[in-house]
Amino acid sequence: MSSFTVLAIVAAVAGVAMAAQAQLMGHLDRSVGTIESVFLTYGTGAVVIGLIMLAMRGGNLGEWHTAPWYAHSAGLLGLVIVGCIGYATPRLGLAVTLTIAVAAQFTIAAIVHQFGLLGADQHPMDLSRLGGMAAILIGVWLMVRQ
């Protein structure tokens, strides 16, 4: 199996997990509230990853300081992601919420790559990428129109 195939499968698993998490977060949001559902989600994740790190004898956590300072905001951004998706999903629906979220991801990713922001490799915008962005925006419009 090629490395691309393996990576594509990993990315697809992430997509499946994101959809399931969004739906489950919607249930938690309606039951206990947005902030509480984010706490429960991150708390459960922290316990599980903590146990995994203990099993691995701490992993490579001692090297945390070698990452750029701004990389440490990833956890805060995760809170925003989980909170926003948990809040929006029961109100907009799973497909609409994730369609808008993925379109925003693609748009920001294109900007990050265009300018090489946050340490990313630079990949200039071209007609193919612009066409893909247009297709995504059309997809959002098709999903959200009544």
Protein backbone atom coordinates (compact mmCIF):
# COMPACT_ATOMS: atom_id res chain seq x y z
CA MET A 1 0.00 0.00 0.00
CA SER A 2 1.46 3.37 -0.99
CA SER A 3 2.16 6.03 1.63
CA PHE A 4 -0.45 8.26 -0.03
CA THR A 5 -3.07 5.53 0.36
CA VAL A 6 -2.23 5.09 4.03
CA LEU A 7 -2.35 8.85 4.62
CA ALA A 8 -5.64 9.13 2.71
CA ILE A 9 -7.13 6.41 4.91
CA VAL A 10 -5.89 8.22 8.04
CA ALA A 11 -7.45 11.48 6.77
CA ALA A 12 -10.72 9.69 6.00
CA VAL A 13 -10.79 8.21 9.52
CA ALA A 14 -10.34 11.75 10.85
CA GLY A 15 -13.30 12.89 8.76
CA VAL A 16 -15.49 10.07 10.06
CA ALA A 17 -14.44 10.86 13.63
CA MET A 18 -15.16 14.57 13.11
CA ALA A 19 -18.67 13.88 11.87
CA ALA A 20 -19.41 11.49 14.73
CA GLN A 21 -17.88 13.88 17.28
CA ALA A 22 -19.93 16.81 15.96
CA GLN A 23 -23.16 14.86 16.30
CA LEU A 24 -22.27 13.61 19.78
CA MET A 25 -21.16 17.09 20.87
CA GLY A 26 -24.55 18.37 19.72
CA HIS A 27 -26.24 15.94 22.10
CA LEU A 28 -23.95 17.00 24.95
CA ASP A 29 -24.52 20.68 24.15
CA ARG A 30 -28.29 20.28 24.35
CA SER A 31 -28.06 18.22 27.55
CA VAL A 32 -25.53 20.13 29.66
CA GLY A 33 -24.61 23.30 27.72
CA THR A 34 -21.78 24.36 25.43
CA ILE A 35 -19.04 25.05 27.98
CA GLU A 36 -19.84 21.92 29.96
CA SER A 37 -19.87 19.76 26.83
CA VAL A 38 -16.45 21.12 25.80
CA PHE A 39 -15.17 20.35 29.31
CA LEU A 40 -16.53 16.79 29.16
CA THR A 41 -15.09 16.23 25.69
CA TYR A 42 -11.64 17.57 26.53
CA GLY A 43 -11.67 15.96 29.98
CA THR A 44 -12.35 12.53 28.51
CA GLY A 45 -9.71 13.07 25.83
CA ALA A 46 -7.17 14.27 28.42
CA VAL A 47 -7.69 11.18 30.57
CA VAL A 48 -7.37 8.81 27.61
CA ILE A 49 -4.26 10.47 26.15
CA GLY A 50 -2.77 10.73 29.65
CA LEU A 51 -3.16 6.97 30.08
CA ILE A 52 -1.62 6.35 26.66
CA MET A 53 1.34 8.60 27.55
CA LEU A 54 1.79 6.79 30.86
CA ALA A 55 1.84 3.48 29.00
CA MET A 56 4.50 4.97 26.69
CA ARG A 57 6.50 6.18 29.70
CA GLY A 58 5.76 9.85 29.04
CA GLY A 59 6.40 9.93 25.32
CA ASN A 60 8.41 12.90 24.09
CA LEU A 61 6.70 15.58 26.20
CA GLY A 62 10.04 16.81 27.54
CA GLU A 63 10.67 18.46 24.17
CA TRP A 64 7.57 20.71 24.33
CA HIS A 65 9.76 23.81 24.39
CA THR A 66 11.29 23.07 20.96
CA ALA A 67 8.02 23.89 19.16
CA PRO A 68 7.39 27.50 18.09
CA TRP A 69 5.58 29.49 20.79
CA TYR A 70 2.46 29.90 18.64
CA ALA A 71 2.11 26.13 18.20
CA HIS A 72 1.00 25.92 21.82
CA SER A 73 -2.24 27.71 20.93
CA ALA A 74 -3.45 24.53 19.20
CA GLY A 75 -5.25 23.40 22.35
CA LEU A 76 -7.08 26.71 22.64
CA LEU A 77 -8.10 26.49 19.01
CA GLY A 78 -9.33 22.96 19.67
CA LEU A 79 -11.61 24.37 22.36
CA VAL A 80 -13.01 26.84 19.84
CA ILE A 81 -13.52 24.08 17.26
CA VAL A 82 -15.24 21.70 19.64
CA GLY A 83 -17.35 24.42 21.22
CA CYS A 84 -18.48 25.94 17.93
CA ILE A 85 -19.27 22.61 16.31
CA GLY A 86 -21.08 21.38 19.41
CA TYR A 87 -23.15 24.56 19.50
CA ALA A 88 -23.91 24.77 15.77
CA THR A 89 -24.67 21.12 15.02
CA PRO A 90 -27.98 20.79 16.91
CA ARG A 91 -29.08 24.17 15.56
CA LEU A 92 -28.00 23.96 11.89
CA GLY A 93 -27.75 20.19 11.47
CA LEU A 94 -24.68 18.02 11.06
CA ALA A 95 -24.27 18.28 7.28
CA VAL A 96 -24.69 22.06 7.12
CA THR A 97 -22.39 22.67 10.11
CA LEU A 98 -19.62 20.49 8.73
CA THR A 99 -20.03 21.84 5.19
CA ILE A 100 -19.54 25.41 6.42
CA ALA A 101 -16.69 24.35 8.72
CA VAL A 102 -14.87 22.45 5.98
CA ALA A 103 -15.31 25.33 3.51
CA ALA A 104 -13.79 27.68 6.10
CA GLN A 105 -10.94 25.20 6.63
CA PHE A 106 -10.17 25.06 2.91
CA THR A 107 -10.30 28.83 2.58
CA ILE A 108 -7.93 29.42 5.49
CA ALA A 109 -5.67 26.57 4.38
CA ALA A 110 -5.35 28.16 0.94
CA ILE A 111 -4.42 31.50 2.54
CA VAL A 112 -1.94 29.84 4.91
CA HIS A 113 -0.27 28.03 1.99
CA GLN A 114 -0.37 31.06 -0.31
CA PHE A 115 1.65 33.14 2.13
CA GLY A 116 3.50 30.38 4.03
CA LEU A 117 1.90 31.42 7.32
CA LEU A 118 2.42 29.59 10.63
CA GLY A 119 5.48 27.81 9.29
CA ALA A 120 3.65 26.18 6.36
CA ASP A 121 5.29 25.49 3.02
CA GLN A 122 4.30 28.06 0.42
CA HIS A 123 1.99 26.79 -2.34
CA PRO A 124 0.87 29.72 -4.51
CA MET A 125 -2.77 29.95 -5.57
CA ASP A 126 -3.37 28.84 -9.15
CA LEU A 127 -6.40 28.32 -11.37
CA SER A 128 -6.83 24.73 -10.22
CA ARG A 129 -6.97 25.77 -6.55
CA LEU A 130 -9.29 28.68 -7.35
CA GLY A 131 -11.58 26.26 -9.19
CA GLY A 132 -11.60 23.95 -6.19
CA MET A 133 -12.44 26.87 -3.90
CA ALA A 134 -15.30 27.88 -6.22
CA ALA A 135 -16.62 24.30 -6.17
CA ILE A 136 -16.53 24.29 -2.37
CA LEU A 137 -18.40 27.58 -2.15
CA ILE A 138 -21.03 26.28 -4.58
CA GLY A 139 -21.32 23.19 -2.38
CA VAL A 140 -21.90 25.37 0.69
CA TRP A 141 -24.57 27.31 -1.14
CA LEU A 142 -26.29 24.07 -2.23
CA MET A 143 -26.21 22.74 1.35
CA VAL A 144 -27.51 25.85 3.11
CA ARG A 145 -30.17 27.09 0.70
CA GLN A 146 -33.72 26.43 1.75
